[in-house]
Amino acid sequence: MASQKIQELLGDKAAYYLDHKCTTIDKSSLHLPAADTIDNVWLHSNRNLQTLRSISALLNNGRLANTGYVSILPVDQGIEHSAGASFAPNPIYFDPENIVKLAIEGGCNAVASTYGVLGSVARKYAHKIPFIVKINHNEFISYPNRFDQIMFGTIKDAWNMGATAIGATIYFGSDESSRQIVEIAKAFEYAHELGMATVLWCYLRNSAFKKDGVDYHTAADLTAQANHLGVTLQADIIKQKLPTNNGGYTALNFGKTHKDVYEKLTTDHPIDLARYQVANCYMGRVGLINSGGESKGASDLSEAVMTAVVNKRAGGMGLISGRKAFQKDMKVGVELLNTIQDVYLDNSITIA
């Protein structure tokens, strides 16, 4: 049985999340996170020895070391959402060193941030916690706003600052997605050549993905396809938002799908929807991490725990949570990160 703290945070939904049995895609079909993931999964891939060592470094750091799961602190919102919007709630994080300190004190496997943030403290911290350098961003200061991911540096820059991995975002479905796919495919190829691991934020972005008051940017069928494109680009870890609905293809009447996606491979349960995301990451050969989402205040801890439980029981490999952690006092942020990690350390919370 899950710890009392986790059950209390899940509240009256505890049984709904903790006792659910998945009858769609059987857990026996999945490659589940484990201490021997490198030997059992990655060793058979085309990743070179230096890249395998980098993936191992990500998996074997922090409180989740040697479990196959990861907890990552991502702080690139200073560009994506403006520094003021991101750091005004807790101005100490205008100083990049505090971002890295939070990741270390919070027991994270790695810290993901910008060239500027990680480069400014690289000599002090690159050997203490794995760096994931985010190589592209939506700068979001142009007016009117446009939604496009553009490169902010080079892969060699990331390598020179001691990065273990690079991270990138593709806005699948956007007008600029074809260019982004080509850019990131080349970037990931070079990163692997230099021995760095790769993490892809597989986000959807298209105004037409909202219809009749429903937002399908987090539909299970569409996000899962974005995942499938991401693993095709040879991402080593996929970052995706937790699915909140399904039927994007059918509601928007575009692309191609199959009735079994909705009748056999998914239900309306969040764990089953996330299981379909995992399936599209080559049945878990490439790990799925779900994002913690924006900070909403008092409910942040319970929402983060719910997301972690859904991710773990679906077959995912961890959580990447930023604003819920760094927009608070550092001690509170550390507690939130540790509580997320406790979900993955709790052996009673099993694959559904």
Protein backbone atom coordinates (compact mmCIF):
# COMPACT_ATOMS: atom_id res chain seq x y z
CA MET A 1 0.00 0.00 0.00
CA ALA A 2 1.27 3.46 -0.88
CA SER A 3 2.51 5.66 1.95
CA GLN A 4 -0.06 7.52 4.00
CA LYS A 5 1.31 10.85 2.76
CA ILE A 6 0.80 9.90 -0.89
CA GLN A 7 -2.69 8.57 -0.19
CA GLU A 8 -3.61 11.77 1.65
CA LEU A 9 -2.34 13.91 -1.21
CA LEU A 10 -4.43 11.91 -3.69
CA GLY A 11 -7.43 12.37 -1.41
CA ASP A 12 -10.71 10.74 -2.40
CA LYS A 13 -9.11 9.81 -5.74
CA ALA A 14 -6.48 7.55 -4.11
CA ALA A 15 -8.15 4.27 -5.04
CA TYR A 16 -8.95 5.59 -8.53
CA TYR A 17 -5.25 6.08 -9.24
CA LEU A 18 -3.60 3.44 -7.06
CA ASP A 19 -5.93 0.47 -7.67
CA HIS A 20 -6.59 0.88 -11.39
CA LYS A 21 -5.88 -2.17 -13.57
CA CYS A 22 -4.99 -1.47 -17.18
CA THR A 23 -6.82 -3.78 -19.59
CA THR A 24 -5.80 -2.01 -22.80
CA ILE A 25 -2.08 -2.46 -23.54
CA ASP A 26 -0.77 -5.14 -21.18
CA LYS A 27 2.18 -4.25 -18.98
CA SER A 28 3.98 -7.38 -20.19
CA SER A 29 4.41 -5.63 -23.56
CA LEU A 30 6.38 -2.77 -22.05
CA HIS A 31 10.07 -2.16 -21.47
CA LEU A 32 9.83 -0.86 -17.93
CA PRO A 33 12.33 1.39 -16.15
CA ALA A 34 14.84 -0.62 -14.15
CA ALA A 35 18.35 -0.49 -12.75
CA ASP A 36 19.60 -2.51 -15.74
CA THR A 37 17.91 -0.42 -18.46
CA ILE A 38 21.25 0.35 -20.11
CA ASP A 39 22.15 -3.34 -20.42
CA ASN A 40 18.71 -4.60 -21.38
CA VAL A 41 17.49 -1.83 -23.68
CA TRP A 42 20.10 0.69 -24.75
CA LEU A 43 23.00 -1.70 -25.24
CA HIS A 44 21.23 -3.10 -28.31
CA SER A 45 20.74 0.31 -29.94
CA ASN A 46 22.99 2.34 -32.25
CA ARG A 47 24.00 4.74 -29.46
CA ASN A 48 27.79 4.97 -29.14
CA LEU A 49 29.66 4.20 -25.94
CA GLN A 50 29.98 7.83 -24.86
CA THR A 51 26.24 8.35 -25.30
CA LEU A 52 25.52 5.21 -23.27
CA ARG A 53 27.71 6.61 -20.54
CA SER A 54 25.78 9.89 -20.65
CA ILE A 55 22.43 8.10 -20.42
CA SER A 56 23.86 6.14 -17.50
CA ALA A 57 24.96 9.38 -15.81
CA LEU A 58 21.39 10.70 -16.04
CA LEU A 59 19.97 7.50 -14.60
CA ASN A 60 22.49 7.11 -11.80
CA ASN A 61 22.37 10.48 -10.05
CA GLY A 62 20.20 11.85 -7.26
CA ARG A 63 17.65 10.11 -5.05
CA LEU A 64 16.35 7.97 -7.93
CA ALA A 65 19.81 6.64 -8.86
CA ASN A 66 19.83 2.98 -9.95
CA THR A 67 16.04 2.73 -10.25
CA GLY A 68 15.62 3.49 -13.97
CA TYR A 69 13.46 6.50 -13.07
CA VAL A 70 14.38 10.17 -13.32
CA SER A 71 13.40 13.42 -11.65
CA ILE A 72 14.52 16.47 -13.62
CA LEU A 73 14.32 20.16 -12.73
CA PRO A 74 13.66 22.22 -15.91
CA VAL A 75 14.06 26.00 -15.75
CA ASP A 76 13.94 27.56 -19.22
CA GLN A 77 10.82 29.61 -18.54
CA GLY A 78 12.85 32.82 -18.26
CA ILE A 79 12.85 32.80 -22.05
CA GLU A 80 9.62 30.98 -22.81
CA HIS A 81 7.41 32.92 -20.36
CA SER A 82 9.62 35.98 -19.55
CA ALA A 83 11.97 36.22 -16.61
CA GLY A 84 9.54 38.43 -14.73
CA ALA A 85 6.63 36.01 -15.04
CA SER A 86 8.88 33.12 -14.04
CA PHE A 87 11.03 34.49 -11.24
CA ALA A 88 9.03 37.33 -9.67
CA PRO A 89 7.32 34.87 -7.28
CA ASN A 90 10.79 33.99 -5.91
CA PRO A 91 13.48 36.43 -7.13
CA ILE A 92 16.42 34.35 -5.86
CA TYR A 93 16.10 32.32 -9.06
CA PHE A 94 17.17 35.26 -11.19
CA ASP A 95 20.59 33.97 -10.02
CA PRO A 96 21.34 30.80 -12.00
CA GLU A 97 23.31 29.26 -9.13
CA ASN A 98 20.14 28.88 -7.08
CA ILE A 99 18.52 26.94 -9.90
CA VAL A 100 21.33 24.40 -9.82
CA LYS A 101 21.34 24.36 -6.01
CA LEU A 102 17.61 23.54 -6.00
CA ALA A 103 18.20 20.60 -8.34
CA ILE A 104 21.05 19.27 -6.19
CA GLU A 105 19.34 19.78 -2.84
CA GLY A 106 16.12 18.41 -4.31
CA GLY A 107 17.84 15.13 -5.21
CA CYS A 108 17.22 15.47 -8.95
CA ASN A 109 18.91 13.31 -11.58
CA ALA A 110 19.65 16.39 -13.69
CA VAL A 111 18.98 20.07 -14.20
CA ALA A 112 17.70 21.33 -17.57
CA SER A 113 18.14 24.99 -18.45
CA THR A 114 19.47 27.48 -20.96
CA TYR A 115 22.95 28.04 -22.36
CA GLY A 116 23.22 31.19 -20.25
CA VAL A 117 22.05 29.69 -16.96
CA LEU A 118 24.18 26.56 -17.09
CA GLY A 119 27.16 28.22 -18.77
CA SER A 120 27.37 30.85 -16.03
CA VAL A 121 28.06 28.24 -13.33
CA ALA A 122 29.42 25.36 -15.40
CA ARG A 123 32.89 25.20 -13.81
CA LYS A 124 31.39 24.98 -10.34
CA TYR A 125 28.60 22.49 -10.98
CA ALA A 126 28.92 20.53 -14.26
CA HIS A 127 30.77 17.74 -12.42
CA LYS A 128 28.27 17.69 -9.55
CA ILE A 129 24.98 17.18 -11.40
CA PRO A 130 24.24 16.30 -15.04
CA PHE A 131 23.47 19.34 -17.19
CA ILE A 132 20.78 19.20 -19.88
CA VAL A 133 21.28 22.26 -22.09
CA LYS A 134 18.06 23.45 -23.75
CA ILE A 135 19.18 24.41 -27.26
CA ASN A 136 16.06 26.10 -28.67
CA HIS A 137 13.29 28.33 -27.36
CA ASN A 138 10.23 30.35 -28.25
CA GLU A 139 11.61 33.80 -27.35
CA PHE A 140 8.08 35.24 -26.99
CA ILE A 141 9.06 38.92 -26.93
CA SER A 142 8.27 39.66 -30.58
CA TYR A 143 5.00 41.52 -31.04
CA PRO A 144 2.60 40.23 -31.98
CA ASN A 145 3.68 36.98 -30.35
CA ARG A 146 4.61 34.14 -32.62
CA PHE A 147 5.08 30.51 -31.72
CA ASP A 148 8.34 29.18 -33.11
CA GLN A 149 11.30 27.35 -31.61
CA ILE A 150 14.61 28.86 -32.70
CA MET A 151 18.17 27.77 -31.96
CA PHE A 152 19.97 29.71 -29.22
CA GLY A 153 23.45 28.19 -29.52
CA THR A 154 25.43 25.29 -30.89
CA ILE A 155 25.81 21.66 -29.87
CA LYS A 156 29.54 22.17 -29.46
CA ASP A 157 28.82 24.97 -26.95
CA ALA A 158 26.78 22.55 -24.86
CA TRP A 159 29.51 19.93 -25.05
CA ASN A 160 32.18 22.46 -24.07
CA MET A 161 30.33 23.39 -20.88
CA GLY A 162 30.30 19.74 -19.82
CA ALA A 163 26.68 18.95 -20.65
CA THR A 164 25.55 15.37 -20.25
CA ALA A 165 22.61 15.92 -22.59
CA ILE A 166 20.85 18.45 -24.75
CA GLY A 167 17.15 19.20 -24.75
CA ALA A 168 15.00 20.62 -27.53
CA THR A 169 11.38 21.43 -28.29
CA ILE A 170 9.47 20.79 -31.49
CA TYR A 171 6.04 22.34 -31.97
CA PHE A 172 4.51 19.46 -33.90
CA GLY A 173 1.55 20.57 -36.00
CA SER A 174 2.76 24.15 -36.35
CA ASP A 175 3.60 25.89 -39.61
CA GLU A 176 7.28 25.81 -38.61
CA SER A 177 7.39 22.16 -37.55
CA SER A 178 9.04 20.86 -40.75
CA ARG A 179 12.02 23.18 -40.26
CA GLN A 180 12.23 22.34 -36.56
CA ILE A 181 12.19 18.59 -37.30
CA VAL A 182 15.13 18.94 -39.69
CA GLU A 183 17.06 21.20 -37.28
CA ILE A 184 16.61 18.91 -34.31
CA ALA A 185 17.33 15.74 -36.27
CA LYS A 186 20.71 17.22 -37.22
CA ALA A 187 21.31 18.53 -33.70
CA PHE A 188 20.56 15.16 -32.11
CA GLU A 189 22.81 13.37 -34.59
CA TYR A 190 25.70 15.67 -33.68
CA ALA A 191 24.97 15.43 -29.96
CA HIS A 192 25.12 11.63 -30.16
CA GLU A 193 28.33 11.86 -32.17
CA LEU A 194 29.84 13.87 -29.30
CA GLY A 195 28.46 11.43 -26.73
CA MET A 196 25.61 13.48 -25.26
CA ALA A 197 22.12 12.13 -24.59
CA THR A 198 19.05 13.81 -26.10
CA VAL A 199 15.72 14.89 -24.58
CA LEU A 200 12.84 16.08 -26.75
CA TRP A 201 9.91 18.22 -25.61
CA CYS A 202 7.21 16.83 -27.98
CA TYR A 203 4.64 19.61 -27.81
CA LEU A 204 1.73 20.33 -30.13
CA ARG A 205 0.99 23.84 -31.34
CA ASN A 206 -1.82 24.71 -33.75
CA SER A 207 -4.82 26.97 -33.17
CA ALA A 208 -6.96 24.47 -35.09
CA PHE A 209 -6.35 21.90 -32.31
CA LYS A 210 -9.02 23.73 -30.29
CA LYS A 211 -12.59 23.01 -31.36
CA ASP A 212 -15.98 23.52 -29.79
CA GLY A 213 -14.41 24.64 -26.53
CA VAL A 214 -12.19 21.55 -26.23
CA ASP A 215 -8.39 21.82 -26.34
CA TYR A 216 -6.87 18.81 -28.09
CA HIS A 217 -3.26 19.90 -27.57
CA THR A 218 -3.21 17.32 -24.78
CA ALA A 219 -5.29 14.63 -26.49
CA ALA A 220 -3.83 11.16 -25.99
CA ASP A 221 -3.94 10.24 -29.67
CA LEU A 222 -2.25 13.44 -30.89
CA THR A 223 0.38 13.65 -28.13
CA ALA A 224 1.19 9.98 -28.63
CA GLN A 225 1.82 10.61 -32.33
CA ALA A 226 4.10 13.49 -31.39
CA ASN A 227 5.97 11.05 -29.15
CA HIS A 228 6.26 8.62 -32.03
CA LEU A 229 7.79 11.32 -34.20
CA GLY A 230 10.16 12.19 -31.36
CA VAL A 231 11.52 8.68 -30.95
CA THR A 232 11.89 8.50 -34.73
CA LEU A 233 14.29 11.44 -34.40
CA GLN A 234 16.25 9.28 -31.92
CA ALA A 235 15.45 11.17 -28.77
CA ASP A 236 16.67 9.22 -25.74
CA ILE A 237 13.97 10.64 -23.47
CA ILE A 238 10.59 12.06 -24.48
CA LYS A 239 8.96 14.86 -22.51
CA GLN A 240 5.21 15.16 -22.93
CA LYS A 241 2.26 16.73 -21.16
CA LEU A 242 -0.06 14.35 -19.37
CA PRO A 243 -3.06 13.59 -21.61
CA THR A 244 -6.30 15.20 -20.50
CA ASN A 245 -8.64 13.93 -23.22
CA ASN A 246 -8.66 11.82 -26.39
CA GLY A 247 -10.07 11.75 -29.90
CA GLY A 248 -8.16 14.64 -31.42
CA TYR A 249 -7.95 12.98 -34.81
CA THR A 250 -11.65 12.20 -34.94
CA ALA A 251 -12.89 15.50 -33.52
CA LEU A 252 -10.72 17.56 -35.87
CA ASN A 253 -11.31 15.16 -38.78
CA PHE A 254 -7.75 15.12 -40.11
CA GLY A 255 -4.86 12.71 -40.47
CA LYS A 256 -5.30 8.96 -40.08
CA THR A 257 -6.15 6.84 -37.09
CA HIS A 258 -7.91 3.56 -36.28
CA LYS A 259 -11.02 2.76 -34.28
CA ASP A 260 -9.05 0.35 -32.07
CA VAL A 261 -7.06 3.29 -30.71
CA TYR A 262 -10.25 4.42 -28.97
CA GLU A 263 -12.11 1.13 -28.51
CA LYS A 264 -9.29 -1.21 -27.44
CA LEU A 265 -6.05 0.65 -26.77
CA THR A 266 -7.40 3.42 -24.53
CA THR A 267 -10.17 4.19 -22.07
CA ASP A 268 -10.98 7.49 -20.40
CA HIS A 269 -8.79 6.66 -17.38
CA PRO A 270 -5.68 8.88 -17.17
CA ILE A 271 -3.38 5.90 -16.69
CA ASP A 272 -4.69 4.19 -19.83
CA LEU A 273 -4.32 7.42 -21.81
CA ALA A 274 -0.73 7.79 -20.60
CA ARG A 275 -0.11 4.10 -21.38
CA TYR A 276 -0.88 4.90 -25.02
CA GLN A 277 1.74 7.67 -24.88
CA VAL A 278 4.27 5.13 -23.54
CA ALA A 279 3.35 2.65 -26.28
CA ASN A 280 4.24 5.26 -28.88
CA CYS A 281 7.69 5.59 -27.30
CA TYR A 282 8.53 2.17 -28.74
CA MET A 283 6.69 0.44 -25.87
CA GLY A 284 8.89 2.17 -23.35
CA ARG A 285 12.25 1.51 -25.00
CA VAL A 286 12.54 5.31 -24.99
CA GLY A 287 11.51 6.65 -21.60
CA LEU A 288 8.51 8.97 -21.23
CA ILE A 289 8.65 11.78 -18.71
CA ASN A 290 5.54 13.87 -18.13
CA SER A 291 5.66 17.55 -17.25
CA GLY A 292 4.53 18.86 -13.90
CA GLY A 293 2.71 21.85 -15.39
CA GLU A 294 2.25 25.38 -14.16
CA SER A 295 2.21 26.38 -10.50
CA LYS A 296 -1.30 26.84 -9.13
CA GLY A 297 -0.43 27.39 -5.48
CA ALA A 298 -1.82 25.22 -2.70
CA SER A 299 -2.75 22.31 -4.99
CA ASP A 300 0.73 21.95 -6.53
CA LEU A 301 1.92 19.10 -4.32
CA SER A 302 -1.19 16.94 -4.80
CA GLU A 303 -1.21 17.60 -8.56
CA ALA A 304 2.48 16.69 -8.85
CA VAL A 305 1.94 13.45 -6.93
CA MET A 306 -1.06 12.56 -9.09
CA THR A 307 0.98 13.14 -12.25
CA ALA A 308 3.84 11.02 -10.91
CA VAL A 309 1.50 8.16 -9.98
CA VAL A 310 -0.14 8.23 -13.42
CA ASN A 311 3.22 8.34 -15.18
CA LYS A 312 4.72 5.52 -13.13
CA ARG A 313 1.69 3.23 -13.29
CA ALA A 314 1.40 3.84 -17.05
CA GLY A 315 4.99 2.73 -17.59
CA GLY A 316 6.72 6.10 -17.81
CA MET A 317 10.18 6.83 -16.45
CA GLY A 318 9.67 9.96 -14.38
CA LEU A 319 8.61 13.54 -13.98
CA ILE A 320 10.09 16.86 -15.06
CA SER A 321 8.73 19.57 -12.79
CA GLY A 322 9.90 23.19 -12.74
CA ARG A 323 7.48 25.99 -11.88
CA LYS A 324 5.82 23.98 -9.12
CA ALA A 325 9.26 23.79 -7.46
CA PHE A 326 11.13 27.02 -8.16
CA GLN A 327 8.29 29.50 -7.73
CA LYS A 328 8.33 28.76 -4.01
CA ASP A 329 10.70 29.00 -1.08
CA MET A 330 13.63 26.65 -1.74
CA LYS A 331 12.78 24.39 1.22
CA VAL A 332 9.22 24.00 -0.08
CA GLY A 333 10.57 23.33 -3.57
CA VAL A 334 12.90 20.64 -2.23
CA GLU A 335 10.00 19.02 -0.37
CA LEU A 336 7.90 18.97 -3.55
CA LEU A 337 10.70 17.37 -5.59
CA ASN A 338 11.36 14.80 -2.87
CA THR A 339 7.67 13.91 -2.62
CA ILE A 340 7.53 13.34 -6.39
CA GLN A 341 10.59 11.10 -6.09
CA ASP A 342 8.99 9.20 -3.22
CA VAL A 343 6.31 8.00 -5.64
CA TYR A 344 8.98 6.32 -7.77
CA LEU A 345 10.81 4.96 -4.70
CA ASP A 346 7.60 3.42 -3.32
CA ASN A 347 7.65 -0.20 -4.48
CA SER A 348 3.99 -0.63 -3.58
CA ILE A 349 3.04 1.74 -6.42
CA THR A 350 3.30 -0.68 -9.31
CA ILE A 351 2.72 -0.74 -13.06
CA ALA A 352 -1.01 -0.94 -13.78
